[in-house]
């Protein structure tokens, strides 16, 4: 019987969980940007904060101030 060593299983589980989190963060950012582009002031503020802190996108202080 082939058993996956527990360390390998832990690494695979962590990688899968991280990938799922990244995909959800990207979707959240995309939704926020779409709302901001449609004029939602709260979304614009949130998008500026995302750029300022580098959440879901590369940190960009100029883009943060723009939003």
Protein backbone atom coordinates (compact mmCIF):
# COMPACT_ATOMS: atom_id res chain seq x y z
CA UNK A 1 0.00 0.00 0.00
CA UNK A 2 1.38 3.43 -0.96
CA UNK A 3 0.87 5.97 1.76
CA UNK A 4 1.62 9.64 1.30
CA UNK A 5 4.05 10.77 3.99
CA UNK A 6 2.31 13.11 6.43
CA UNK A 7 4.72 15.98 5.73
CA UNK A 8 4.04 15.81 2.01
CA UNK A 9 0.32 15.66 2.67
CA UNK A 10 0.58 18.72 4.93
CA UNK A 11 2.48 20.64 2.24
CA UNK A 12 -0.07 19.71 -0.42
CA UNK A 13 -2.94 20.73 1.84
CA UNK A 14 -1.29 24.07 2.65
CA UNK A 15 -0.57 24.76 -1.02
CA UNK A 16 -4.15 23.97 -2.00
CA UNK A 17 -5.54 26.16 0.77
CA UNK A 18 -3.24 29.03 -0.20
CA UNK A 19 -4.23 28.78 -3.86
CA UNK A 20 -7.93 28.84 -2.98
CA UNK A 21 -7.37 31.89 -0.79
CA UNK A 22 -5.50 33.64 -3.58
CA UNK A 23 -8.26 32.93 -6.08
CA UNK A 24 -10.88 34.28 -3.68
CA UNK A 25 -8.80 37.40 -2.99
CA UNK A 26 -8.41 38.02 -6.73
CA UNK A 27 -12.16 37.67 -7.27
CA UNK A 28 -12.86 40.03 -4.36
CA UNK A 29 -10.46 42.61 -5.80
CA UNK A 30 -12.00 42.29 -9.27
CA UNK A 31 -15.49 42.80 -7.84
CA UNK A 32 -14.30 45.81 -5.83
CA UNK A 33 -12.66 47.39 -8.87
CA UNK A 34 -15.76 46.85 -11.02
CA UNK A 35 -17.97 48.53 -8.41
CA UNK A 36 -15.47 51.39 -8.04
CA UNK A 37 -15.38 51.93 -11.80
CA UNK A 38 -19.19 52.11 -11.78
CA UNK A 39 -19.07 55.00 -9.30
CA UNK A 40 -19.63 53.25 -5.96
CA UNK A 41 -17.95 55.65 -3.50
CA UNK A 42 -17.48 52.99 -0.83
CA UNK A 43 -15.85 50.66 -3.35
CA UNK A 44 -13.62 53.51 -4.56
CA UNK A 45 -12.47 54.11 -0.99
CA UNK A 46 -11.90 50.38 -0.51
CA UNK A 47 -9.98 50.12 -3.77
CA UNK A 48 -7.75 52.99 -2.72
CA UNK A 49 -7.07 51.17 0.54
CA UNK A 50 -6.32 47.94 -1.31
CA UNK A 51 -3.73 49.69 -3.47
CA UNK A 52 -2.33 51.54 -0.46
CA UNK A 53 -1.83 48.32 1.52
CA UNK A 54 -1.11 45.95 -1.37
CA UNK A 55 -4.15 43.78 -0.65
CA UNK A 56 -5.07 41.66 -3.68
CA UNK A 57 -2.85 43.79 -5.89
CA UNK A 58 0.71 45.11 -5.96
CA UNK A 59 1.11 48.09 -3.64
CA UNK A 60 0.83 51.32 -5.61
CA UNK A 61 0.63 54.59 -3.67
CA UNK A 62 -0.15 56.67 -6.77
CA UNK A 63 -3.07 54.42 -7.74
CA UNK A 64 -4.22 54.47 -4.09
CA UNK A 65 -4.47 58.26 -4.11
CA UNK A 66 -6.22 58.17 -7.50
CA UNK A 67 -9.05 56.10 -6.03
